[in-house]
Structures are given as structure tokens and as C-alpha cells.
Amino acid sequence: MLTYAIKRLLGAVPTLFIIVTVAFFMIRMAPGGPFALERPLPQSIMDNLQAIYHLDEPLVVQYLLYLKNLLAGNLGPSMVYRDFSVAEIIGNGLPVSIQFGGSAILIALGVGALMGSIAALRQNSRTDYSIMGVAMIGITIPNFVMAPVLSLVLGVYLGWLPAGGWGEGAIENKILPIVTLALPQLAVIARLTRGSMIEVLRSNHIRTARAKGLPEWLVLRRHALRAALLPVVSYLGPATAALLTGSVVIETIFGVPGVGRYFVQGALNRDYTLVMGTVVLIASFIVLFNLVVDLIYGWLDPKVRYD
């Protein structure tokens, strides 16, 4: 398995290279620039800024310089937040995004798998229809609608929780963003678990386990649930990477200082280095979690082997 993991990581290098290359040229094709202000700077100052950030060099030269710095682990300075490097900005926002995204994905996995399993065990019953109805609501209502509704109802009308703001990381300020992040993921996981569990419960190895006289709870926990979680694990790879690197909508609505907000601000301000740093971070997380998913497959399914 270690050899397989190393090969996968080495195979991800060309993928990351292509992503970095495409993102580098796409952000520079967009109109405007990091120093295109409403009140233009004097030409002498503009020339100095262009020289400091090598923007006066040909685009190919800028690209090669960026690759050189990236290989050395240097994401460069922010072109808009002049007193901070990109690594410092990401270092400040990433722990917050990981805290929110990690909590949301754990809640979604635990509650969603439980709801999906209950719905599968009571297929075509009122319980099944109720759970799947709630799941469909979670899937169809987007975050940018659910977040203001929860904030308005629970924060403004009822006054149970703060309607927004970071609040220096207070627990009550974290509840609404985490719940809003978790709801759509919970709904998807519940539907995936239900469909997979129904199929697994009709398989031959479940019939064999029951025929041997194993208790029903043991059959479900040891045999059915492990097999039913395979499609859920496949979904969790990119979903976890997206949540851990920040949700743009949720962080903007609730004023959470995570990576997602910096990415949006960097794109709006044409902060080339900040956008590139965020792209590298997200791409690395996706590659890493897809590898983790493949390794978890081998643990959940004995038929999967990585030789």
C-alpha cells in the first residue's frame, strides 16, 4: 500500500503542474490588474511596482519565475495586501476553514449515514419518505438561500444564535455556519447511503451472514454498513477538500475569516499571487483526499488490494 501511495503522489505531480499552468495564464488573461485603481497611480510609481513584482517581464518569464519560487516552497508576496505574504494569509485563514469544514463533514457523515441506513431498513415506509423528503430539501436549496434564512430565523427573529460575525471564534458564532455547511452534504450522504444499503442488504454475503445466525445488528454493522459506505467515501474525497479549503458563500455571509473569502477578494482585486496560492492549496487537497479515499477503499472492501 505504501508503494501504491508513493506512485499516486508522484503521478499527481503532472496534474498539479497542468492546474498551475492553466490557472496562471487564465488569471492574467482577465481584464484589469492588481494596481488598476479608480484613481490611477503616477506612471513612475506604477513602473516601480511593475518592476518589483516582475510584471514588466514577458509572460513566459513571469511563469518560469513563479514555477521556480513554487518549487522552492515560496508562494510569493500578496500584490494587494502589501504587508503579508500569500503563505501568511493562507496560514491565517486555513485553520478557520479546516475547523468549520471538518466539523461540517463529520456531522454530515455521522447524521447522514444514520439517516440513510434507517431509511433503507424501512424502505417505502413513512420514515423512508420523510427522511428522503428532508434530504431532497437539503439538496435543492442552495447555501446562499439556506444561510440567510437560518440567520434570519434563528438569529434575528428568535435570537437564539448570533446572526453573523466571527465573534473572536466564540462557539455560538460557529453553530450557524457549520450547520449551513453540513446540511447539503448530509442530504447527499443520506441518499447515497440509502441507495447503497438497499443494494447491499439484497446481496449474497448478507444472506449468508444471516443464515449463519449472526445477530441482525452485527450483520448491519460489520457487513452491510461497510459495503454501503463505499459510494459515500468516493463522494467524501472532493467534498471534504472543498469544505476544508473554505466555502466562499458561507464565509462571506457569516463573516468568517477563512480561505474562501481571501480567494474571492484576490480574484476581484486581481491579486495574482494570492489566487495562485489558493489554487495550489485546493488542488493539493483534492489530490490528497482522493488518495485517502482510495486507501480507505482497501480497508472497507477486502476485495480491493493495492499491490
Protein backbone atom coordinates (compact mmCIF):
# COMPACT_ATOMS: atom_id res chain seq x y z
CA MET A 1 0.00 0.00 0.00
CA LEU A 2 2.91 2.35 0.73
CA THR A 3 4.30 1.77 -2.76
CA TYR A 4 0.90 2.49 -4.25
CA ALA A 5 0.57 5.72 -2.25
CA ILE A 6 4.03 6.90 -3.37
CA LYS A 7 3.21 6.13 -7.01
CA ARG A 8 -0.06 8.05 -6.73
CA LEU A 9 1.67 11.07 -5.21
CA LEU A 10 4.31 11.05 -7.94
CA GLY A 11 1.59 10.68 -10.56
CA ALA A 12 -0.17 13.74 -9.15
CA VAL A 13 2.79 16.00 -9.96
CA PRO A 14 1.88 16.36 -13.70
CA THR A 15 -1.74 17.05 -12.71
CA LEU A 16 -0.72 19.82 -10.33
CA PHE A 17 1.63 21.21 -12.98
CA ILE A 18 -1.20 21.43 -15.53
CA ILE A 19 -3.53 23.06 -12.98
CA VAL A 20 -0.93 25.65 -12.00
CA THR A 21 -0.15 26.41 -15.66
CA VAL A 22 -3.78 26.86 -16.70
CA ALA A 23 -4.60 28.97 -13.63
CA PHE A 24 -1.52 31.16 -14.11
CA PHE A 25 -2.40 32.17 -17.65
CA MET A 26 -6.16 32.39 -17.06
CA ILE A 27 -5.91 34.89 -14.19
CA ARG A 28 -3.62 37.08 -16.29
CA MET A 29 -5.99 36.98 -19.25
CA ALA A 30 -8.69 38.65 -17.15
CA PRO A 31 -9.02 42.41 -17.71
CA GLY A 32 -7.52 44.76 -15.17
CA GLY A 33 -4.64 44.19 -12.81
CA PRO A 34 -3.60 44.37 -9.16
CA PHE A 35 -2.71 48.06 -9.49
CA ALA A 36 -5.63 49.19 -11.67
CA LEU A 37 -7.20 51.60 -9.19
CA GLU A 38 -10.09 54.01 -9.66
CA ARG A 39 -7.59 56.81 -9.14
CA PRO A 40 -4.58 55.87 -11.29
CA LEU A 41 -1.13 55.95 -9.73
CA PRO A 42 1.60 58.16 -11.18
CA GLN A 43 3.44 56.45 -14.00
CA SER A 44 6.75 56.39 -12.11
CA ILE A 45 5.16 54.57 -9.15
CA MET A 46 3.37 52.19 -11.50
CA ASP A 47 6.67 51.37 -13.24
CA ASN A 48 8.35 50.67 -9.91
CA LEU A 49 5.52 48.36 -8.81
CA GLN A 50 5.61 46.52 -12.12
CA ALA A 51 9.35 46.01 -11.73
CA ILE A 52 9.13 44.84 -8.11
CA TYR A 53 6.60 42.12 -8.95
CA HIS A 54 8.25 41.31 -12.35
CA LEU A 55 5.09 42.31 -14.19
CA ASP A 56 7.20 44.18 -16.70
CA GLU A 57 8.76 40.90 -17.80
CA PRO A 58 7.33 38.81 -20.66
CA LEU A 59 4.54 36.49 -19.53
CA VAL A 60 6.63 33.37 -20.13
CA VAL A 61 9.40 34.76 -17.94
CA GLN A 62 6.86 35.53 -15.19
CA TYR A 63 5.60 31.96 -15.45
CA LEU A 64 9.07 30.45 -15.14
CA LEU A 65 9.86 32.69 -12.17
CA TYR A 66 6.66 31.61 -10.45
CA LEU A 67 7.42 27.92 -11.03
CA LYS A 68 10.92 28.42 -9.63
CA ASN A 69 9.56 30.06 -6.47
CA LEU A 70 6.80 27.45 -6.14
CA LEU A 71 9.27 24.58 -6.28
CA ALA A 72 11.21 26.32 -3.52
CA GLY A 73 8.03 26.49 -1.41
CA ASN A 74 7.63 30.23 -1.88
CA LEU A 75 4.11 31.36 -2.83
CA GLY A 76 5.27 34.94 -3.16
CA PRO A 77 4.03 38.20 -1.64
CA SER A 78 0.47 39.39 -1.95
CA MET A 79 0.12 42.17 -4.52
CA VAL A 80 -2.80 43.80 -2.71
CA TYR A 81 -2.14 43.05 0.97
CA ARG A 82 1.32 44.58 0.81
CA ASP A 83 2.39 43.70 4.37
CA PHE A 84 1.61 39.99 4.05
CA SER A 85 2.91 37.08 2.04
CA VAL A 86 0.50 34.61 0.45
CA ALA A 87 1.69 31.91 2.86
CA GLU A 88 0.85 34.13 5.84
CA ILE A 89 -2.63 34.92 4.51
CA ILE A 90 -3.39 31.26 3.84
CA GLY A 91 -1.87 30.31 7.19
CA ASN A 92 -4.28 32.69 8.93
CA GLY A 93 -7.39 31.57 7.05
CA LEU A 94 -6.80 27.84 6.61
CA PRO A 95 -7.15 26.80 10.29
CA VAL A 96 -10.52 28.56 10.42
CA SER A 97 -11.72 26.86 7.23
CA ILE A 98 -10.48 23.48 8.44
CA GLN A 99 -12.27 23.94 11.75
CA PHE A 100 -15.57 24.79 10.08
CA GLY A 101 -15.27 22.34 7.19
CA GLY A 102 -14.05 19.47 9.36
CA SER A 103 -16.90 19.91 11.83
CA ALA A 104 -19.44 20.12 9.00
CA ILE A 105 -18.19 16.98 7.24
CA LEU A 106 -18.14 14.96 10.47
CA ILE A 107 -21.71 16.00 11.29
CA ALA A 108 -22.83 15.27 7.73
CA LEU A 109 -21.16 11.85 7.70
CA GLY A 110 -22.48 10.72 11.07
CA VAL A 111 -26.04 12.01 10.76
CA GLY A 112 -26.34 11.36 7.01
CA ALA A 113 -25.15 7.74 7.23
CA LEU A 114 -27.53 7.12 10.14
CA MET A 115 -30.50 8.66 8.33
CA GLY A 116 -29.72 6.76 5.12
CA SER A 117 -29.40 3.46 6.97
CA ILE A 118 -32.71 3.96 8.78
CA ALA A 119 -34.43 4.86 5.51
CA ALA A 120 -33.01 1.73 3.82
CA LEU A 121 -34.12 -0.55 6.67
CA ARG A 122 -37.62 0.93 6.45
CA GLN A 123 -37.82 1.15 2.68
CA ASN A 124 -41.04 2.59 1.24
CA SER A 125 -42.37 3.43 4.70
CA ARG A 126 -43.35 6.81 6.09
CA THR A 127 -39.96 7.01 7.79
CA ASP A 128 -38.21 6.44 4.47
CA TYR A 129 -40.30 9.05 2.68
CA SER A 130 -39.83 11.58 5.48
CA ILE A 131 -36.05 11.19 5.58
CA MET A 132 -35.70 11.35 1.82
CA GLY A 133 -38.03 14.36 1.69
CA VAL A 134 -35.82 16.22 4.15
CA ALA A 135 -32.76 15.14 2.16
CA MET A 136 -34.24 16.49 -1.07
CA ILE A 137 -34.87 19.83 0.61
CA GLY A 138 -31.23 19.93 1.72
CA ILE A 139 -30.03 19.16 -1.80
CA THR A 140 -32.30 21.51 -3.72
CA ILE A 141 -31.98 24.62 -1.53
CA PRO A 142 -28.55 26.19 -2.17
CA ASN A 143 -26.28 27.55 0.53
CA PHE A 144 -26.80 31.16 -0.48
CA VAL A 145 -30.52 30.72 0.28
CA MET A 146 -30.26 28.49 3.35
CA ALA A 147 -27.66 30.68 5.08
CA PRO A 148 -29.72 33.93 5.10
CA VAL A 149 -32.88 32.01 6.06
CA LEU A 150 -31.23 30.35 9.07
CA SER A 151 -29.56 33.60 10.03
CA LEU A 152 -32.86 35.49 9.79
CA VAL A 153 -34.96 32.92 11.67
CA LEU A 154 -32.55 31.69 14.35
CA GLY A 155 -30.51 34.86 14.66
CA VAL A 156 -32.88 37.79 14.10
CA TYR A 157 -36.41 36.57 14.84
CA LEU A 158 -35.75 34.04 17.61
CA GLY A 159 -32.46 35.47 18.86
CA TRP A 160 -31.08 32.04 19.75
CA LEU A 161 -27.76 32.48 17.94
CA PRO A 162 -25.68 35.37 16.53
CA ALA A 163 -26.87 36.22 13.02
CA GLY A 164 -23.31 36.68 11.78
CA GLY A 165 -19.81 37.76 12.61
CA TRP A 166 -16.77 35.87 13.83
CA GLY A 167 -17.02 36.92 17.47
CA GLU A 168 -13.34 36.05 18.13
CA GLY A 169 -14.18 32.40 17.49
CA ALA A 170 -16.96 32.01 20.07
CA ILE A 171 -18.84 28.70 19.91
CA GLU A 172 -22.23 30.34 19.40
CA ASN A 173 -20.88 32.15 16.33
CA LYS A 174 -19.75 28.86 14.80
CA ILE A 175 -23.03 26.94 15.02
CA LEU A 176 -24.93 28.53 12.13
CA PRO A 177 -22.05 28.42 9.60
CA ILE A 178 -21.25 24.80 10.46
CA VAL A 179 -24.90 23.71 10.25
CA THR A 180 -25.35 25.53 6.95
CA LEU A 181 -22.24 23.87 5.55
CA ALA A 182 -23.30 20.44 6.79
CA LEU A 183 -26.91 20.42 5.54
CA PRO A 184 -26.34 19.81 1.80
CA GLN A 185 -23.56 17.30 2.45
CA LEU A 186 -25.77 15.50 4.99
CA ALA A 187 -28.58 15.25 2.45
CA VAL A 188 -26.32 13.81 -0.27
CA ILE A 189 -24.73 11.30 2.11
CA ALA A 190 -28.15 10.18 3.34
CA ARG A 191 -29.35 9.48 -0.21
CA LEU A 192 -26.12 7.71 -1.19
CA THR A 193 -26.20 5.57 1.96
CA ARG A 194 -29.84 4.62 1.45
CA GLY A 195 -29.39 3.53 -2.16
CA SER A 196 -26.21 1.60 -1.43
CA MET A 197 -27.60 -0.01 1.74
CA ILE A 198 -30.70 -1.28 -0.08
CA GLU A 199 -28.48 -2.91 -2.70
CA VAL A 200 -26.12 -4.40 -0.12
CA LEU A 201 -28.92 -5.84 2.01
CA ARG A 202 -30.04 -7.89 -1.00
CA SER A 203 -26.57 -9.26 -1.74
CA ASN A 204 -25.49 -12.86 -1.25
CA HIS A 205 -22.96 -12.28 1.53
CA ILE A 206 -25.63 -10.61 3.70
CA ARG A 207 -27.94 -13.60 3.17
CA THR A 208 -25.08 -15.89 4.12
CA ALA A 209 -24.32 -13.92 7.28
CA ARG A 210 -27.96 -14.08 8.32
CA ALA A 211 -28.12 -17.79 7.51
CA LYS A 212 -25.21 -18.41 9.88
CA GLY A 213 -27.32 -17.00 12.69
CA LEU A 214 -25.43 -13.75 13.28
CA PRO A 215 -27.38 -11.09 15.19
CA GLU A 216 -29.03 -8.52 12.93
CA TRP A 217 -27.14 -5.60 14.47
CA LEU A 218 -23.84 -7.39 13.81
CA VAL A 219 -24.80 -8.13 10.22
CA LEU A 220 -25.65 -4.48 9.65
CA ARG A 221 -22.61 -3.01 11.39
CA ARG A 222 -19.87 -5.41 10.30
CA HIS A 223 -21.02 -6.39 6.82
CA ALA A 224 -23.76 -4.17 5.39
CA LEU A 225 -22.62 -0.74 6.56
CA ARG A 226 -19.01 -1.16 5.48
CA ALA A 227 -20.04 -2.12 1.96
CA ALA A 228 -22.74 0.56 1.82
CA LEU A 229 -20.25 3.31 2.69
CA LEU A 230 -18.13 2.75 -0.45
CA PRO A 231 -20.01 5.27 -2.65
CA VAL A 232 -20.14 7.68 0.30
CA VAL A 233 -16.37 7.50 0.64
CA SER A 234 -15.97 8.27 -3.07
CA TYR A 235 -18.11 11.37 -2.63
CA LEU A 236 -16.30 12.48 0.52
CA GLY A 237 -12.95 12.94 -1.23
CA PRO A 238 -13.67 16.10 -3.27
CA ALA A 239 -16.40 17.21 -0.84
CA THR A 240 -14.02 17.23 2.11
CA ALA A 241 -11.34 19.05 0.12
CA ALA A 242 -13.86 21.73 -0.88
CA LEU A 243 -15.13 22.22 2.68
CA LEU A 244 -11.70 22.27 4.30
CA THR A 245 -10.42 24.91 1.91
CA GLY A 246 -13.34 27.20 2.61
CA SER A 247 -16.86 27.80 1.41
CA VAL A 248 -16.98 31.14 -0.34
CA VAL A 249 -20.71 31.76 0.22
CA ILE A 250 -20.83 30.76 3.89
CA GLU A 251 -17.67 32.62 4.85
CA THR A 252 -18.90 35.75 3.10
CA ILE A 253 -22.43 35.70 4.57
CA PHE A 254 -21.36 34.95 8.15
CA GLY A 255 -18.14 36.98 8.07
CA VAL A 256 -15.85 34.02 8.70
CA PRO A 257 -12.16 34.85 8.04
CA GLY A 258 -11.41 31.69 6.08
CA VAL A 259 -9.53 30.88 2.88
CA GLY A 260 -12.65 31.16 0.70
CA ARG A 261 -13.06 34.88 1.37
CA TYR A 262 -9.43 35.56 0.53
CA PHE A 263 -9.82 33.68 -2.74
CA VAL A 264 -12.79 35.81 -3.78
CA GLN A 265 -11.11 39.04 -2.72
CA GLY A 266 -7.94 38.02 -4.53
CA ALA A 267 -9.87 37.30 -7.73
CA LEU A 268 -11.78 40.60 -7.55
CA ASN A 269 -8.60 42.58 -6.86
CA ARG A 270 -6.57 40.63 -9.46
CA ASP A 271 -4.14 39.62 -6.72
CA TYR A 272 -2.34 37.12 -8.93
CA THR A 273 -0.15 35.52 -6.29
CA LEU A 274 -2.98 35.13 -3.76
CA VAL A 275 -5.26 33.49 -6.34
CA MET A 276 -2.47 31.16 -7.44
CA GLY A 277 -1.65 30.23 -3.86
CA THR A 278 -5.29 29.34 -3.19
CA VAL A 279 -5.49 27.30 -6.40
CA VAL A 280 -2.38 25.34 -5.43
CA LEU A 281 -3.83 24.72 -1.98
CA ILE A 282 -7.21 23.49 -3.26
CA ALA A 283 -5.64 21.30 -5.95
CA SER A 284 -3.27 19.73 -3.41
CA PHE A 285 -6.14 18.99 -1.04
CA ILE A 286 -8.18 17.34 -3.80
CA VAL A 287 -5.26 15.13 -4.85
CA LEU A 288 -4.51 14.21 -1.24
CA PHE A 289 -8.09 13.34 -0.30
CA ASN A 290 -8.65 11.32 -3.46
CA LEU A 291 -5.61 9.26 -2.43
CA VAL A 292 -7.02 8.86 1.09
CA VAL A 293 -10.33 7.70 -0.41
CA ASP A 294 -8.58 5.01 -2.44
CA LEU A 295 -6.73 3.78 0.65
CA ILE A 296 -9.94 3.69 2.70
CA TYR A 297 -11.49 1.58 -0.07
CA GLY A 298 -8.94 -1.13 0.66
CA TRP A 299 -9.94 -1.11 4.32
CA LEU A 300 -13.69 -1.16 3.71
CA ASP A 301 -13.71 -3.70 0.87
CA PRO A 302 -11.50 -6.81 1.35
CA LYS A 303 -11.66 -7.45 -2.41
CA VAL A 304 -9.69 -4.25 -3.10
CA ARG A 305 -5.92 -4.72 -2.94
CA TYR A 306 -3.13 -2.33 -3.90
CA ASP A 307 -0.17 -4.50 -4.86
